[in-house]
Amino acid sequence: MAARLVVHPAFYRRVRHYRDRIGGQEARPQTARRFVQAVRDLVPQLLENPGRGHAARFEAHDLADIRRVSVPGFAVFALFYRWDGQTLSIITVEHTAQDLPARLAAVLSA
């Protein structure tokens, strides 16, 4: 169990971004709400069991310790985080069809 939670501001921006994108497509507000709820439910699950995800396997040294877990019900989305044994650091949620190493490097450098 994580003793401390840190959430990067990009996480909230990306959740809102994807909520708006999902909800705006063919008027699917219920799907957008389910997405937000799935992400919201995932954070306490990770707090309880930070080892739930797996290594993201990025080659860049500064991204080597990042872990990922799929958003339940939305397999094309993943939540990226770090776990150091004490602190769970939620970085962002992303669509997995992106250039993820570049996206995460940009988020972390901001």
PDB file of N, CA and C in Angstrom:
ATOM      1  N   MET A   1       0.842  -1.181   0.000  1.00  0.00           N
ATOM      2  CA  MET A   1       0.000   0.000   0.000  1.00  0.00           C
ATOM      3  C   MET A   1       0.883   1.240   0.000  1.00  0.00           C
ATOM      4  N   ALA A   2       0.525   2.207  -0.820  1.00  0.00           N
ATOM      5  CA  ALA A   2       1.295   3.446  -0.918  1.00  0.00           C
ATOM      6  C   ALA A   2       1.040   4.313   0.311  1.00  0.00           C
ATOM      7  N   ALA A   3       2.100   4.911   0.814  1.00  0.00           N
ATOM      8  CA  ALA A   3       1.978   5.792   1.957  1.00  0.00           C
ATOM      9  C   ALA A   3       1.640   7.217   1.527  1.00  0.00           C
ATOM     10  N   ARG A   4       1.952   7.540   0.278  1.00  0.00           N
ATOM     11  CA  ARG A   4       1.786   8.911  -0.183  1.00  0.00           C
ATOM     12  C   ARG A   4       1.360   8.905  -1.651  1.00  0.00           C
ATOM     13  N   LEU A   5       0.513   9.865  -2.024  1.00  0.00           N
ATOM     14  CA  LEU A   5       0.050  10.012  -3.396  1.00  0.00           C
ATOM     15  C   LEU A   5       0.446  11.389  -3.912  1.00  0.00           C
ATOM     16  N   VAL A   6       1.059  11.413  -5.094  1.00  0.00           N
ATOM     17  CA  VAL A   6       1.386  12.654  -5.782  1.00  0.00           C
ATOM     18  C   VAL A   6       0.767  12.551  -7.173  1.00  0.00           C
ATOM     19  N   VAL A   7       0.058  13.587  -7.581  1.00  0.00           N
ATOM     20  CA  VAL A   7      -0.594  13.571  -8.889  1.00  0.00           C
ATOM     21  C   VAL A   7      -0.059  14.741  -9.714  1.00  0.00           C
ATOM     22  N   HIS A   8       0.512  14.423 -10.860  1.00  0.00           N
ATOM     23  CA  HIS A   8       1.035  15.433 -11.770  1.00  0.00           C
ATOM     24  C   HIS A   8      -0.147  16.197 -12.367  1.00  0.00           C
ATOM     25  N   PRO A   9      -0.045  17.526 -12.502  1.00  0.00           N
ATOM     26  CA  PRO A   9      -1.159  18.305 -13.076  1.00  0.00           C
ATOM     27  C   PRO A   9      -1.583  17.836 -14.468  1.00  0.00           C
ATOM     28  N   ALA A  10      -0.663  17.277 -15.229  1.00  0.00           N
ATOM     29  CA  ALA A  10      -1.007  16.790 -16.576  1.00  0.00           C
ATOM     30  C   ALA A  10      -2.066  15.697 -16.529  1.00  0.00           C
ATOM     31  N   PHE A  11      -2.101  14.934 -15.446  1.00  0.00           N
ATOM     32  CA  PHE A  11      -3.079  13.855 -15.314  1.00  0.00           C
ATOM     33  C   PHE A  11      -4.503  14.413 -15.430  1.00  0.00           C
ATOM     34  N   TYR A  12      -4.788  15.465 -14.669  1.00  0.00           N
ATOM     35  CA  TYR A  12      -6.133  16.042 -14.686  1.00  0.00           C
ATOM     36  C   TYR A  12      -6.454  16.637 -16.061  1.00  0.00           C
ATOM     37  N   ARG A  13      -5.482  17.290 -16.690  1.00  0.00           N
ATOM     38  CA  ARG A  13      -5.704  17.864 -18.018  1.00  0.00           C
ATOM     39  C   ARG A  13      -6.020  16.778 -19.038  1.00  0.00           C
ATOM     40  N   ARG A  14      -5.303  15.667 -18.979  1.00  0.00           N
ATOM     41  CA  ARG A  14      -5.515  14.605 -19.954  1.00  0.00           C
ATOM     42  C   ARG A  14      -6.845  13.890 -19.726  1.00  0.00           C
ATOM     43  N   VAL A  15      -7.238  13.711 -18.483  1.00  0.00           N
ATOM     44  CA  VAL A  15      -8.551  13.106 -18.215  1.00  0.00           C
ATOM     45  C   VAL A  15      -9.646  13.994 -18.805  1.00  0.00           C
ATOM     46  N   ARG A  16      -9.553  15.299 -18.581  1.00  0.00           N
ATOM     47  CA  ARG A  16     -10.547  16.218 -19.149  1.00  0.00           C
ATOM     48  C   ARG A  16     -10.506  16.201 -20.677  1.00  0.00           C
ATOM     49  N   HIS A  17      -9.311  16.167 -21.242  1.00  0.00           N
ATOM     50  CA  HIS A  17      -9.156  16.132 -22.703  1.00  0.00           C
ATOM     51  C   HIS A  17      -9.855  14.909 -23.292  1.00  0.00           C
ATOM     52  N   TYR A  18      -9.573  13.751 -22.738  1.00  0.00           N
ATOM     53  CA  TYR A  18     -10.182  12.534 -23.278  1.00  0.00           C
ATOM     54  C   TYR A  18     -11.672  12.474 -22.976  1.00  0.00           C
ATOM     55  N   ARG A  19     -12.088  12.971 -21.836  1.00  0.00           N
ATOM     56  CA  ARG A  19     -13.527  13.038 -21.540  1.00  0.00           C
ATOM     57  C   ARG A  19     -14.242  13.845 -22.613  1.00  0.00           C
ATOM     58  N   ASP A  20     -13.661  14.995 -22.956  1.00  0.00           N
ATOM     59  CA  ASP A  20     -14.287  15.859 -23.954  1.00  0.00           C
ATOM     60  C   ASP A  20     -14.253  15.233 -25.344  1.00  0.00           C
ATOM     61  N   ARG A  21     -13.162  14.566 -25.677  1.00  0.00           N
ATOM     62  CA  ARG A  21     -13.055  13.910 -26.985  1.00  0.00           C
ATOM     63  C   ARG A  21     -14.051  12.757 -27.100  1.00  0.00           C
ATOM     64  N   ILE A  22     -14.134  11.952 -26.060  1.00  0.00           N
ATOM     65  CA  ILE A  22     -15.064  10.811 -26.079  1.00  0.00           C
ATOM     66  C   ILE A  22     -16.505  11.305 -26.094  1.00  0.00           C
ATOM     67  N   GLY A  23     -16.809  12.259 -25.238  1.00  0.00           N
ATOM     68  CA  GLY A  23     -18.171  12.774 -25.132  1.00  0.00           C
ATOM     69  C   GLY A  23     -18.634  13.526 -26.354  1.00  0.00           C
ATOM     70  N   GLY A  24     -17.691  14.092 -27.103  1.00  0.00           N
ATOM     71  CA  GLY A  24     -18.042  14.860 -28.279  1.00  0.00           C
ATOM     72  C   GLY A  24     -18.256  14.021 -29.521  1.00  0.00           C
ATOM     73  N   GLN A  25     -17.796  12.788 -29.493  1.00  0.00           N
ATOM     74  CA  GLN A  25     -17.954  11.919 -30.653  1.00  0.00           C
ATOM     75  C   GLN A  25     -19.339  11.296 -30.658  1.00  0.00           C
ATOM     76  N   GLU A  26     -20.112  11.676 -31.653  1.00  0.00           N
ATOM     77  CA  GLU A  26     -21.444  11.104 -31.819  1.00  0.00           C
ATOM     78  C   GLU A  26     -22.273  11.183 -30.540  1.00  0.00           C
ATOM     79  N   ALA A  27     -22.075  12.258 -29.803  1.00  0.00           N
ATOM     80  CA  ALA A  27     -22.862  12.517 -28.586  1.00  0.00           C
ATOM     81  C   ALA A  27     -22.868  11.317 -27.647  1.00  0.00           C
ATOM     82  N   ARG A  28     -21.683  10.970 -27.144  1.00  0.00           N
ATOM     83  CA  ARG A  28     -21.564   9.829 -26.225  1.00  0.00           C
ATOM     84  C   ARG A  28     -21.202  10.287 -24.818  1.00  0.00           C
ATOM     85  N   PRO A  29     -22.034  11.103 -24.199  1.00  0.00           N
ATOM     86  CA  PRO A  29     -21.707  11.587 -22.854  1.00  0.00           C
ATOM     87  C   PRO A  29     -21.661  10.472 -21.811  1.00  0.00           C
ATOM     88  N   GLN A  30     -22.452   9.430 -21.977  1.00  0.00           N
ATOM     89  CA  GLN A  30     -22.418   8.330 -21.008  1.00  0.00           C
ATOM     90  C   GLN A  30     -21.086   7.601 -21.063  1.00  0.00           C
ATOM     91  N   THR A  31     -20.555   7.420 -22.254  1.00  0.00           N
ATOM     92  CA  THR A  31     -19.252   6.773 -22.400  1.00  0.00           C
ATOM     93  C   THR A  31     -18.168   7.641 -21.775  1.00  0.00           C
ATOM     94  N   ALA A  32     -18.261   8.935 -21.975  1.00  0.00           N
ATOM     95  CA  ALA A  32     -17.290   9.858 -21.377  1.00  0.00           C
ATOM     96  C   ALA A  32     -17.349   9.794 -19.855  1.00  0.00           C
ATOM     97  N   ARG A  33     -18.538   9.743 -19.295  1.00  0.00           N
ATOM     98  CA  ARG A  33     -18.678   9.632 -17.827  1.00  0.00           C
ATOM     99  C   ARG A  33     -18.121   8.303 -17.321  1.00  0.00           C
ATOM    100  N   ARG A  34     -18.361   7.230 -18.068  1.00  0.00           N
ATOM    101  CA  ARG A  34     -17.811   5.926 -17.664  1.00  0.00           C
ATOM    102  C   ARG A  34     -16.288   5.940 -17.707  1.00  0.00           C
ATOM    103  N   PHE A  35     -15.716   6.613 -18.702  1.00  0.00           N
ATOM    104  CA  PHE A  35     -14.262   6.737 -18.793  1.00  0.00           C
ATOM    105  C   PHE A  35     -13.710   7.447 -17.563  1.00  0.00           C
ATOM    106  N   VAL A  36     -14.284   8.588 -17.235  1.00  0.00           N
ATOM    107  CA  VAL A  36     -13.818   9.353 -16.073  1.00  0.00           C
ATOM    108  C   VAL A  36     -13.963   8.517 -14.807  1.00  0.00           C
ATOM    109  N   GLN A  37     -15.073   7.819 -14.658  1.00  0.00           N
ATOM    110  CA  GLN A  37     -15.280   6.989 -13.467  1.00  0.00           C
ATOM    111  C   GLN A  37     -14.275   5.847 -13.414  1.00  0.00           C
ATOM    112  N   ALA A  38     -13.967   5.236 -14.548  1.00  0.00           N
ATOM    113  CA  ALA A  38     -12.988   4.147 -14.580  1.00  0.00           C
ATOM    114  C   ALA A  38     -11.615   4.642 -14.149  1.00  0.00           C
ATOM    115  N   VAL A  39     -11.223   5.822 -14.620  1.00  0.00           N
ATOM    116  CA  VAL A  39      -9.932   6.402 -14.221  1.00  0.00           C
ATOM    117  C   VAL A  39      -9.964   6.753 -12.740  1.00  0.00           C
ATOM    118  N   ARG A  40     -11.059   7.348 -12.309  1.00  0.00           N
ATOM    119  CA  ARG A  40     -11.210   7.738 -10.897  1.00  0.00           C
ATOM    120  C   ARG A  40     -11.147   6.520  -9.984  1.00  0.00           C
ATOM    121  N   ASP A  41     -11.740   5.413 -10.384  1.00  0.00           N
ATOM    122  CA  ASP A  41     -11.726   4.186  -9.583  1.00  0.00           C
ATOM    123  C   ASP A  41     -10.351   3.520  -9.580  1.00  0.00           C
ATOM    124  N   LEU A  42      -9.601   3.721 -10.641  1.00  0.00           N
ATOM    125  CA  LEU A  42      -8.295   3.077 -10.773  1.00  0.00           C
ATOM    126  C   LEU A  42      -7.265   3.631  -9.787  1.00  0.00           C
ATOM    127  N   VAL A  43      -7.327   4.914  -9.493  1.00  0.00           N
ATOM    128  CA  VAL A  43      -6.329   5.532  -8.600  1.00  0.00           C
ATOM    129  C   VAL A  43      -6.338   4.901  -7.213  1.00  0.00           C
ATOM    130  N   PRO A  44      -7.476   4.763  -6.523  1.00  0.00           N
ATOM    131  CA  PRO A  44      -7.440   4.104  -5.209  1.00  0.00           C
ATOM    132  C   PRO A  44      -7.018   2.636  -5.284  1.00  0.00           C
ATOM    133  N   GLN A  45      -7.326   1.987  -6.403  1.00  0.00           N
ATOM    134  CA  GLN A  45      -6.884   0.596  -6.576  1.00  0.00           C
ATOM    135  C   GLN A  45      -5.360   0.542  -6.651  1.00  0.00           C
ATOM    136  N   LEU A  46      -4.764   1.512  -7.327  1.00  0.00           N
ATOM    137  CA  LEU A  46      -3.303   1.572  -7.391  1.00  0.00           C
ATOM    138  C   LEU A  46      -2.703   1.938  -6.035  1.00  0.00           C
ATOM    139  N   LEU A  47      -3.370   2.795  -5.299  1.00  0.00           N
ATOM    140  CA  LEU A  47      -2.900   3.125  -3.944  1.00  0.00           C
ATOM    141  C   LEU A  47      -2.857   1.877  -3.078  1.00  0.00           C
ATOM    142  N   GLU A  48      -3.860   1.047  -3.235  1.00  0.00           N
ATOM    143  CA  GLU A  48      -3.945  -0.192  -2.461  1.00  0.00           C
ATOM    144  C   GLU A  48      -2.919  -1.219  -2.936  1.00  0.00           C
ATOM    145  N   ASN A  49      -2.688  -1.247  -4.246  1.00  0.00           N
ATOM    146  CA  ASN A  49      -1.776  -2.238  -4.818  1.00  0.00           C
ATOM    147  C   ASN A  49      -0.954  -1.589  -5.943  1.00  0.00           C
ATOM    148  N   PRO A  50       0.099  -0.837  -5.600  1.00  0.00           N
ATOM    149  CA  PRO A  50       0.886  -0.137  -6.616  1.00  0.00           C
ATOM    150  C   PRO A  50       1.595  -1.061  -7.596  1.00  0.00           C
ATOM    151  N   GLY A  51       1.768  -2.318  -7.244  1.00  0.00           N
ATOM    152  CA  GLY A  51       2.407  -3.263  -8.140  1.00  0.00           C
ATOM    153  C   GLY A  51       1.477  -3.827  -9.195  1.00  0.00           C
ATOM    154  N   ARG A  52       0.248  -3.369  -9.206  1.00  0.00           N
ATOM    155  CA  ARG A  52      -0.759  -3.886 -10.136  1.00  0.00           C
ATOM    156  C   ARG A  52      -0.348  -3.708 -11.598  1.00  0.00           C
ATOM    157  N   GLY A  53       0.241  -2.585 -11.913  1.00  0.00           N
ATOM    158  CA  GLY A  53       0.658  -2.330 -13.289  1.00  0.00           C
ATOM    159  C   GLY A  53       1.942  -3.064 -13.615  1.00  0.00           C
ATOM    160  N   HIS A  54       2.466  -2.799 -14.784  1.00  0.00           N
ATOM    161  CA  HIS A  54       3.726  -3.418 -15.191  1.00  0.00           C
ATOM    162  C   HIS A  54       4.644  -2.344 -15.782  1.00  0.00           C
ATOM    163  N   ALA A  55       5.895  -2.670 -15.912  1.00  0.00           N
ATOM    164  CA  ALA A  55       6.868  -1.728 -16.462  1.00  0.00           C
ATOM    165  C   ALA A  55       6.433  -1.306 -17.864  1.00  0.00           C
ATOM    166  N   ALA A  56       6.532  -0.012 -18.135  1.00  0.00           N
ATOM    167  CA  ALA A  56       6.157   0.497 -19.460  1.00  0.00           C
ATOM    168  C   ALA A  56       7.211   0.150 -20.504  1.00  0.00           C
ATOM    169  N   ARG A  57       8.410  -0.169 -20.052  1.00  0.00           N
ATOM    170  CA  ARG A  57       9.512  -0.615 -20.919  1.00  0.00           C
ATOM    171  C   ARG A  57       9.955   0.429 -21.928  1.00  0.00           C
ATOM    172  N   PHE A  58      10.059   1.675 -21.474  1.00  0.00           N
ATOM    173  CA  PHE A  58      10.599   2.716 -22.329  1.00  0.00           C
ATOM    174  C   PHE A  58      12.114   2.631 -22.300  1.00  0.00           C
ATOM    175  N   GLU A  59      12.743   2.874 -23.428  1.00  0.00           N
ATOM    176  CA  GLU A  59      14.191   2.764 -23.521  1.00  0.00           C
ATOM    177  C   GLU A  59      14.914   3.934 -22.865  1.00  0.00           C
ATOM    178  N   ALA A  60      14.325   5.112 -22.888  1.00  0.00           N
ATOM    179  CA  ALA A  60      14.972   6.298 -22.317  1.00  0.00           C
ATOM    180  C   ALA A  60      15.223   6.092 -20.823  1.00  0.00           C
ATOM    181  N   HIS A  61      16.418   6.405 -20.394  1.00  0.00           N
ATOM    182  CA  HIS A  61      16.812   6.182 -19.002  1.00  0.00           C
ATOM    183  C   HIS A  61      15.902   6.924 -18.012  1.00  0.00           C
ATOM    184  N   ASP A  62      15.524   8.148 -18.349  1.00  0.00           N
ATOM    185  CA  ASP A  62      14.689   8.939 -17.437  1.00  0.00           C
ATOM    186  C   ASP A  62      13.239   8.450 -17.376  1.00  0.00           C
ATOM    187  N   LEU A  63      12.871   7.517 -18.246  1.00  0.00           N
ATOM    188  CA  LEU A  63      11.523   6.947 -18.235  1.00  0.00           C
ATOM    189  C   LEU A  63      11.513   5.479 -17.821  1.00  0.00           C
ATOM    190  N   ALA A  64      12.675   4.937 -17.498  1.00  0.00           N
ATOM    191  CA  ALA A  64      12.813   3.498 -17.251  1.00  0.00           C
ATOM    192  C   ALA A  64      11.980   2.994 -16.072  1.00  0.00           C
ATOM    193  N   ASP A  65      11.707   3.838 -15.091  1.00  0.00           N
ATOM    194  CA  ASP A  65      10.970   3.382 -13.907  1.00  0.00           C
ATOM    195  C   ASP A  65       9.461   3.608 -13.997  1.00  0.00           C
ATOM    196  N   ILE A  66       8.977   4.054 -15.140  1.00  0.00           N
ATOM    197  CA  ILE A  66       7.542   4.312 -15.296  1.00  0.00           C
ATOM    198  C   ILE A  66       6.792   3.000 -15.498  1.00  0.00           C
ATOM    199  N   ARG A  67       5.670   2.917 -14.821  1.00  0.00           N
ATOM    200  CA  ARG A  67       4.796   1.752 -14.911  1.00  0.00           C
ATOM    201  C   ARG A  67       3.509   2.172 -15.604  1.00  0.00           C
ATOM    202  N   ARG A  68       2.781   1.175 -16.107  1.00  0.00           N
ATOM    203  CA  ARG A  68       1.520   1.458 -16.788  1.00  0.00           C
ATOM    204  C   ARG A  68       0.479   0.429 -16.396  1.00  0.00           C
ATOM    205  N   VAL A  69      -0.756   0.862 -16.439  1.00  0.00           N
ATOM    206  CA  VAL A  69      -1.881  -0.032 -16.203  1.00  0.00           C
ATOM    207  C   VAL A  69      -3.007   0.416 -17.125  1.00  0.00           C
ATOM    208  N   SER A  70      -3.679  -0.539 -17.740  1.00  0.00           N
ATOM    209  CA  SER A  70      -4.797  -0.219 -18.636  1.00  0.00           C
ATOM    210  C   SER A  70      -5.981   0.295 -17.835  1.00  0.00           C
ATOM    211  N   VAL A  71      -6.724   1.205 -18.439  1.00  0.00           N
ATOM    212  CA  VAL A  71      -7.948   1.718 -17.824  1.00  0.00           C
ATOM    213  C   VAL A  71      -9.037   0.676 -18.063  1.00  0.00           C
ATOM    214  N   PRO A  72      -9.610   0.108 -17.003  1.00  0.00           N
ATOM    215  CA  PRO A  72     -10.633  -0.930 -17.164  1.00  0.00           C
ATOM    216  C   PRO A  72     -11.803  -0.457 -18.041  1.00  0.00           C
ATOM    217  N   GLY A  73     -12.131  -1.287 -19.032  1.00  0.00           N
ATOM    218  CA  GLY A  73     -13.221  -0.954 -19.941  1.00  0.00           C
ATOM    219  C   GLY A  73     -12.795  -0.079 -21.106  1.00  0.00           C
ATOM    220  N   PHE A  74     -11.562   0.410 -21.063  1.00  0.00           N
ATOM    221  CA  PHE A  74     -11.044   1.293 -22.105  1.00  0.00           C
ATOM    222  C   PHE A  74      -9.607   0.878 -22.412  1.00  0.00           C
ATOM    223  N   ALA A  75      -9.460  -0.277 -23.041  1.00  0.00           N
ATOM    224  CA  ALA A  75      -8.153  -0.910 -23.219  1.00  0.00           C
ATOM    225  C   ALA A  75      -7.161  -0.074 -24.017  1.00  0.00           C
ATOM    226  N   VAL A  76      -7.628   0.878 -24.811  1.00  0.00           N
ATOM    227  CA  VAL A  76      -6.696   1.701 -25.594  1.00  0.00           C
ATOM    228  C   VAL A  76      -6.125   2.859 -24.780  1.00  0.00           C
ATOM    229  N   PHE A  77      -6.521   2.961 -23.513  1.00  0.00           N
ATOM    230  CA  PHE A  77      -5.996   3.995 -22.627  1.00  0.00           C
ATOM    231  C   PHE A  77      -5.184   3.351 -21.509  1.00  0.00           C
ATOM    232  N   ALA A  78      -4.109   4.012 -21.128  1.00  0.00           N
ATOM    233  CA  ALA A  78      -3.290   3.519 -20.031  1.00  0.00           C
ATOM    234  C   ALA A  78      -2.967   4.671 -19.088  1.00  0.00           C
ATOM    235  N   LEU A  79      -2.912   4.343 -17.819  1.00  0.00           N
ATOM    236  CA  LEU A  79      -2.492   5.287 -16.790  1.00  0.00           C
ATOM    237  C   LEU A  79      -1.012   5.009 -16.518  1.00  0.00           C
ATOM    238  N   PHE A  80      -0.205   6.057 -16.527  1.00  0.00           N
ATOM    239  CA  PHE A  80       1.236   5.935 -16.313  1.00  0.00           C
ATOM    240  C   PHE A  80       1.590   6.506 -14.953  1.00  0.00           C
ATOM    241  N   TYR A  81       2.450   5.799 -14.233  1.00  0.00           N
ATOM    242  CA  TYR A  81       2.782   6.197 -12.874  1.00  0.00           C
ATOM    243  C   TYR A  81       4.164   5.695 -12.478  1.00  0.00           C
ATOM    244  N   ARG A  82       4.621   6.222 -11.355  1.00  0.00           N
ATOM    245  CA  ARG A  82       5.866   5.747 -10.743  1.00  0.00           C
ATOM    246  C   ARG A  82       5.546   5.283  -9.326  1.00  0.00           C
ATOM    247  N   TRP A  83       6.275   4.285  -8.897  1.00  0.00           N
ATOM    248  CA  TRP A  83       6.123   3.740  -7.549  1.00  0.00           C
ATOM    249  C   TRP A  83       7.525   3.498  -7.006  1.00  0.00           C
ATOM    250  N   ASP A  84       7.862   4.167  -5.894  1.00  0.00           N
ATOM    251  CA  ASP A  84       9.208   4.021  -5.332  1.00  0.00           C
ATOM    252  C   ASP A  84       9.237   3.245  -4.020  1.00  0.00           C
ATOM    253  N   GLY A  85       8.153   2.589  -3.703  1.00  0.00           N
ATOM    254  CA  GLY A  85       8.071   1.838  -2.456  1.00  0.00           C
ATOM    255  C   GLY A  85       7.356   2.595  -1.350  1.00  0.00           C
ATOM    256  N   GLN A  86       7.261   3.903  -1.497  1.00  0.00           N
ATOM    257  CA  GLN A  86       6.568   4.758  -0.530  1.00  0.00           C
ATOM    258  C   GLN A  86       5.527   5.653  -1.201  1.00  0.00           C
ATOM    259  N   THR A  87       5.919   6.225  -2.335  1.00  0.00           N
ATOM    260  CA  THR A  87       5.092   7.226  -2.995  1.00  0.00           C
ATOM    261  C   THR A  87       4.602   6.716  -4.345  1.00  0.00           C
ATOM    262  N   LEU A  88       3.310   6.861  -4.556  1.00  0.00           N
ATOM    263  CA  LEU A  88       2.693   6.585  -5.840  1.00  0.00           C
ATOM    264  C   LEU A  88       2.563   7.926  -6.548  1.00  0.00           C
ATOM    265  N   SER A  89       3.235   8.073  -7.675  1.00  0.00           N
ATOM    266  CA  SER A  89       3.192   9.311  -8.445  1.00  0.00           C
ATOM    267  C   SER A  89       2.438   9.059  -9.740  1.00  0.00           C
ATOM    268  N   ILE A  90       1.228   9.586  -9.814  1.00  0.00           N
ATOM    269  CA  ILE A  90       0.404   9.450 -11.008  1.00  0.00           C
ATOM    270  C   ILE A  90       0.883  10.510 -11.998  1.00  0.00           C
ATOM    271  N   ILE A  91       1.267  10.084 -13.192  1.00  0.00           N
ATOM    272  CA  ILE A  91       1.820  11.019 -14.172  1.00  0.00           C
ATOM    273  C   ILE A  91       0.750  11.496 -15.144  1.00  0.00           C
ATOM    274  N   THR A  92       0.145  10.562 -15.867  1.00  0.00           N
ATOM    275  CA  THR A  92      -0.839  10.944 -16.870  1.00  0.00           C
ATOM    276  C   THR A  92      -1.633   9.723 -17.312  1.00  0.00           C
ATOM    277  N   VAL A  93      -2.660   9.986 -18.078  1.00  0.00           N
ATOM    278  CA  VAL A  93      -3.404   8.928 -18.766  1.00  0.00           C
ATOM    279  C   VAL A  93      -3.322   9.268 -20.245  1.00  0.00           C
ATOM    280  N   GLU A  94      -3.048   8.261 -21.067  1.00  0.00           N
ATOM    281  CA  GLU A  94      -2.830   8.502 -22.491  1.00  0.00           C
ATOM    282  C   GLU A  94      -3.473   7.421 -23.344  1.00  0.00           C
ATOM    283  N   HIS A  95      -3.824   7.805 -24.555  1.00  0.00           N
ATOM    284  CA  HIS A  95      -4.240   6.842 -25.566  1.00  0.00           C
ATOM    285  C   HIS A  95      -2.971   6.140 -26.023  1.00  0.00           C
ATOM    286  N   THR A  96      -2.987   4.846 -26.111  1.00  0.00           N
ATOM    287  CA  THR A  96      -1.758   4.095 -26.352  1.00  0.00           C
ATOM    288  C   THR A  96      -1.293   4.112 -27.804  1.00  0.00           C
ATOM    289  N   ALA A  97      -2.038   4.743 -28.712  1.00  0.00           N
ATOM    290  CA  ALA A  97      -1.611   4.825 -30.106  1.00  0.00           C
ATOM    291  C   ALA A  97      -0.672   6.008 -30.351  1.00  0.00           C
ATOM    292  N   GLN A  98      -0.319   6.738 -29.308  1.00  0.00           N
ATOM    293  CA  GLN A  98       0.565   7.885 -29.439  1.00  0.00           C
ATOM    294  C   GLN A  98       2.029   7.471 -29.344  1.00  0.00           C
ATOM    295  N   ASP A  99       2.908   8.426 -29.610  1.00  0.00           N
ATOM    296  CA  ASP A  99       4.339   8.239 -29.361  1.00  0.00           C
ATOM    297  C   ASP A  99       4.524   8.449 -27.862  1.00  0.00           C
ATOM    298  N   LEU A 100       4.341   7.388 -27.106  1.00  0.00           N
ATOM    299  CA  LEU A 100       4.283   7.500 -25.648  1.00  0.00           C
ATOM    300  C   LEU A 100       5.577   7.996 -25.007  1.00  0.00           C
ATOM    301  N   PRO A 101       6.751   7.509 -25.411  1.00  0.00           N
ATOM    302  CA  PRO A 101       7.963   8.042 -24.772  1.00  0.00           C
ATOM    303  C   PRO A 101       8.092   9.556 -24.949  1.00  0.00           C
ATOM    304  N   ALA A 102       7.814  10.058 -26.142  1.00  0.00           N
ATOM    305  CA  ALA A 102       7.903  11.496 -26.373  1.00  0.00           C
ATOM    306  C   ALA A 102       6.852  12.243 -25.561  1.00  0.00           C
ATOM    307  N   ARG A 103       5.653  11.703 -25.503  1.00  0.00           N
ATOM    308  CA  ARG A 103       4.561  12.351 -24.745  1.00  0.00           C
ATOM    309  C   ARG A 103       4.902  12.409 -23.261  1.00  0.00           C
ATOM    310  N   LEU A 104       5.375  11.307 -22.702  1.00  0.00           N
ATOM    311  CA  LEU A 104       5.702  11.283 -21.283  1.00  0.00           C
ATOM    312  C   LEU A 104       6.908  12.165 -20.970  1.00  0.00           C
ATOM    313  N   ALA A 105       7.884  12.178 -21.828  1.00  0.00           N
ATOM    314  CA  ALA A 105       9.041  13.054 -21.627  1.00  0.00           C
ATOM    315  C   ALA A 105       8.599  14.511 -21.613  1.00  0.00           C
ATOM    316  N   ALA A 106       7.677  14.878 -22.485  1.00  0.00           N
ATOM    317  CA  ALA A 106       7.164  16.246 -22.527  1.00  0.00           C
ATOM    318  C   ALA A 106       6.385  16.581 -21.262  1.00  0.00           C
ATOM    319  N   VAL A 107       5.573  15.665 -20.801  1.00  0.00           N
ATOM    320  CA  VAL A 107       4.787  15.887 -19.578  1.00  0.00           C
ATOM    321  C   VAL A 107       5.712  16.073 -18.381  1.00  0.00           C
ATOM    322  N   LEU A 108       6.712  15.226 -18.274  1.00  0.00           N
ATOM    323  CA  LEU A 108       7.603  15.275 -17.110  1.00  0.00           C
ATOM    324  C   LEU A 108       8.540  16.466 -17.132  1.00  0.00           C
ATOM    325  N   SER A 109       8.822  16.996 -18.308  1.00  0.00           N
ATOM    326  CA  SER A 109       9.736  18.139 -18.376  1.00  0.00           C
ATOM    327  C   SER A 109       9.008  19.459 -18.165  1.00  0.00           C
ATOM    328  N   ALA A 110       7.676  19.426 -18.251  1.00  0.00           N
ATOM    329  CA  ALA A 110       6.887  20.666 -18.089  1.00  0.00           C
ATOM    330  C   ALA A 110       6.792  21.084 -16.643  1.00  0.00           C
TER     331      ALA A 110
END
